[in-house]
Structures are given as structure tokens and as C-alpha cells.
């Protein structure tokens, strides 16, 4: 095994670990939004990651992610909210004023 093979192997491992971490963050966001919408009697329509960057929060280096989601309060209108996360922890959940029933 030469140096090139080692670099390629390490690159593949890093890419796999990043993919695994991003999936865990996306699944946690999905679960959190499903729970939130169920508690508030809302219909969750879609979720999309807006951006992800690396940064520190309280001395810990982790990924800062923002998710945009659409929801409906009465089944006819749709509204857009934003979920902000650091790692697997939710920092902020913004929903605009919405019409119910």
C-alpha cells in the first residue's frame, strides 16, 4: 500500500462519515418537525435543507444546519418556517402567523 492508496482510502472514509452525519442531522430535523406539527395540529408538507456549515457552538465544533419546511394549518394554505440546528440539537424554530381551521 503506497501513500496514494492511503489518501484515497482516508478520503472515502471521510466522505462516508460526513454522509452518515448529514443523514443523522436530517432525520433528527424530520422527527423534530413531525413532532412539532403533531403537537400544534399542523400538516407538515415538505422539508428541505437550506444550508450547512461548520462552526463552533459553546466550544464544540459541529455542523450548523438550516432547514426550510412548509406546513398548513387548515389544509388549504401553506406557510414556510425555518428550523435551525447545531449538530443534533435544535436551536430555533420559526413559524410565521398562520390561519387555522
C-alpha atoms as a PDB file:
ATOM      1  CA  UNK A   1       0.000   0.000   0.000  1.00  0.00           C
ATOM      2  CA  UNK A   2       1.504   3.307  -1.041  1.00  0.00           C
ATOM      3  CA  UNK A   3       0.709   6.856   0.029  1.00  0.00           C
ATOM      4  CA  UNK A   4      -1.789   7.455  -2.789  1.00  0.00           C
ATOM      5  CA  UNK A   5      -3.843   4.406  -1.804  1.00  0.00           C
ATOM      6  CA  UNK A   6      -3.859   5.567   1.807  1.00  0.00           C
ATOM      7  CA  UNK A   7      -5.060   9.053   0.838  1.00  0.00           C
ATOM      8  CA  UNK A   8      -7.821   7.601  -1.351  1.00  0.00           C
ATOM      9  CA  UNK A   9      -8.912   5.242   1.424  1.00  0.00           C
ATOM     10  CA  UNK A  10      -8.988   8.043   4.002  1.00  0.00           C
ATOM     11  CA  UNK A  11     -10.946  10.278   1.600  1.00  0.00           C
ATOM     12  CA  UNK A  12     -13.559   7.573   1.074  1.00  0.00           C
ATOM     13  CA  UNK A  13     -13.863   7.048   4.844  1.00  0.00           C
ATOM     14  CA  UNK A  14     -14.260  10.793   5.486  1.00  0.00           C
ATOM     15  CA  UNK A  15     -16.924  11.135   2.776  1.00  0.00           C
ATOM     16  CA  UNK A  16     -18.840   8.176   4.227  1.00  0.00           C
ATOM     17  CA  UNK A  17     -18.671   9.610   7.751  1.00  0.00           C
ATOM     18  CA  UNK A  18     -19.868  13.034   6.545  1.00  0.00           C
ATOM     19  CA  UNK A  19     -22.755  11.432   4.663  1.00  0.00           C
ATOM     20  CA  UNK A  20     -23.701   9.456   7.773  1.00  0.00           C
ATOM     21  CA  UNK A  21     -23.604  12.608   9.955  1.00  0.00           C
ATOM     22  CA  UNK A  22     -25.665  14.644   7.457  1.00  0.00           C
ATOM     23  CA  UNK A  23     -28.271  11.870   7.305  1.00  0.00           C
ATOM     24  CA  UNK A  24     -28.475  11.765  11.118  1.00  0.00           C
ATOM     25  CA  UNK A  25     -28.988  15.541  11.227  1.00  0.00           C
ATOM     26  CA  UNK A  26     -31.683  15.378   8.511  1.00  0.00           C
ATOM     27  CA  UNK A  27     -33.509  12.512  10.245  1.00  0.00           C
ATOM     28  CA  UNK A  28     -33.426  14.365  13.584  1.00  0.00           C
ATOM     29  CA  UNK A  29     -34.807  17.504  11.907  1.00  0.00           C
ATOM     30  CA  UNK A  30     -37.550  15.464  10.244  1.00  0.00           C
ATOM     31  CA  UNK A  31     -38.514  13.806  13.537  1.00  0.00           C
ATOM     32  CA  UNK A  32     -38.496  17.121  15.409  1.00  0.00           C
ATOM     33  CA  UNK A  33     -40.690  18.817  12.796  1.00  0.00           C
ATOM     34  CA  UNK A  34     -43.106  15.877  12.693  1.00  0.00           C
ATOM     35  CA  UNK A  35     -43.459  16.015  16.490  1.00  0.00           C
ATOM     36  CA  UNK A  36     -43.870  19.806  16.467  1.00  0.00           C
ATOM     37  CA  UNK A  37     -46.537  19.742  13.762  1.00  0.00           C
ATOM     38  CA  UNK A  38     -48.406  16.940  15.526  1.00  0.00           C
ATOM     39  CA  UNK A  39     -48.419  18.881  18.823  1.00  0.00           C
ATOM     40  CA  UNK A  40     -49.646  22.065  17.086  1.00  0.00           C
ATOM     41  CA  UNK A  41     -52.231  20.254  14.912  1.00  0.00           C
ATOM     42  CA  UNK A  42     -50.445  21.251  11.708  1.00  0.00           C
ATOM     43  CA  UNK A  43     -49.887  19.346   8.497  1.00  0.00           C
ATOM     44  CA  UNK A  44     -46.214  19.077   7.526  1.00  0.00           C
ATOM     45  CA  UNK A  45     -45.915  19.360   3.746  1.00  0.00           C
ATOM     46  CA  UNK A  46     -42.188  19.352   2.929  1.00  0.00           C
ATOM     47  CA  UNK A  47     -38.715  19.759   4.405  1.00  0.00           C
ATOM     48  CA  UNK A  48     -35.553  20.963   2.642  1.00  0.00           C
ATOM     49  CA  UNK A  49     -32.057  21.719   3.867  1.00  0.00           C
ATOM     50  CA  UNK A  50     -31.170  25.350   3.096  1.00  0.00           C
ATOM     51  CA  UNK A  51     -27.544  25.355   4.162  1.00  0.00           C
ATOM     52  CA  UNK A  52     -24.973  23.565   6.285  1.00  0.00           C
ATOM     53  CA  UNK A  53     -21.709  24.992   7.509  1.00  0.00           C
ATOM     54  CA  UNK A  54     -19.170  24.025  10.122  1.00  0.00           C
ATOM     55  CA  UNK A  55     -18.736  26.197  13.192  1.00  0.00           C
ATOM     56  CA  UNK A  56     -18.433  26.158  16.938  1.00  0.00           C
ATOM     57  CA  UNK A  57     -21.203  26.434  19.488  1.00  0.00           C
ATOM     58  CA  UNK A  58     -20.328  26.627  23.183  1.00  0.00           C
ATOM     59  CA  UNK A  59     -16.799  25.458  22.428  1.00  0.00           C
ATOM     60  CA  UNK A  60     -17.816  22.412  20.394  1.00  0.00           C
ATOM     61  CA  UNK A  61     -17.084  22.155  16.676  1.00  0.00           C
ATOM     62  CA  UNK A  62     -20.124  20.862  14.792  1.00  0.00           C
ATOM     63  CA  UNK A  63     -22.346  21.454  11.767  1.00  0.00           C
ATOM     64  CA  UNK A  64     -24.789  24.381  11.760  1.00  0.00           C
ATOM     65  CA  UNK A  65     -27.782  23.498   9.586  1.00  0.00           C
ATOM     66  CA  UNK A  66     -30.883  25.364   8.472  1.00  0.00           C
ATOM     67  CA  UNK A  67     -33.961  23.612   7.169  1.00  0.00           C
ATOM     68  CA  UNK A  68     -36.910  25.198   5.412  1.00  0.00           C
ATOM     69  CA  UNK A  69     -40.252  23.500   5.844  1.00  0.00           C
ATOM     70  CA  UNK A  70     -43.775  24.056   4.582  1.00  0.00           C
ATOM     71  CA  UNK A  71     -46.812  23.438   6.713  1.00  0.00           C
ATOM     72  CA  UNK A  72     -50.535  24.052   6.667  1.00  0.00           C
ATOM     73  CA  UNK A  73     -52.839  24.967   9.490  1.00  0.00           C
ATOM     74  CA  UNK A  74     -56.142  24.442   7.693  1.00  0.00           C
ATOM     75  CA  UNK A  75     -55.283  22.133   4.788  1.00  0.00           C
ATOM     76  CA  UNK A  76     -55.700  24.835   2.133  1.00  0.00           C
ATOM     77  CA  UNK A  77     -52.937  27.393   2.730  1.00  0.00           C
ATOM     78  CA  UNK A  78     -49.224  26.709   3.020  1.00  0.00           C
ATOM     79  CA  UNK A  79     -46.709  28.612   5.094  1.00  0.00           C
ATOM     80  CA  UNK A  80     -42.940  28.405   5.297  1.00  0.00           C
ATOM     81  CA  UNK A  81     -40.914  28.088   8.501  1.00  0.00           C
ATOM     82  CA  UNK A  82     -37.237  27.700   9.348  1.00  0.00           C
ATOM     83  CA  UNK A  83     -35.570  25.210  11.691  1.00  0.00           C
ATOM     84  CA  UNK A  84     -32.023  25.960  12.893  1.00  0.00           C
ATOM     85  CA  UNK A  85     -29.881  23.168  14.331  1.00  0.00           C
ATOM     86  CA  UNK A  86     -26.360  22.692  15.661  1.00  0.00           C
ATOM     87  CA  UNK A  87     -25.419  19.065  15.317  1.00  0.00           C
ATOM     88  CA  UNK A  88     -28.432  17.103  16.524  1.00  0.00           C
ATOM     89  CA  UNK A  89     -29.664  19.905  18.796  1.00  0.00           C
ATOM     90  CA  UNK A  90     -32.454  22.276  17.796  1.00  0.00           C
ATOM     91  CA  UNK A  91     -31.640  25.939  18.402  1.00  0.00           C
ATOM     92  CA  UNK A  92     -34.573  27.765  16.877  1.00  0.00           C
ATOM     93  CA  UNK A  93     -37.863  27.028  15.178  1.00  0.00           C
ATOM     94  CA  UNK A  94     -39.544  29.931  13.394  1.00  0.00           C
ATOM     95  CA  UNK A  95     -43.099  29.773  12.090  1.00  0.00           C
ATOM     96  CA  UNK A  96     -44.973  32.812  10.774  1.00  0.00           C
ATOM     97  CA  UNK A  97     -48.506  33.618  11.826  1.00  0.00           C
ATOM     98  CA  UNK A  98     -50.819  31.126  10.142  1.00  0.00           C
ATOM     99  CA  UNK A  99     -54.531  30.561   9.715  1.00  0.00           C
ATOM    100  CA  UNK A 100     -56.161  27.641  11.495  1.00  0.00           C
ATOM    101  CA  UNK A 101     -59.478  25.985  10.651  1.00  0.00           C
END
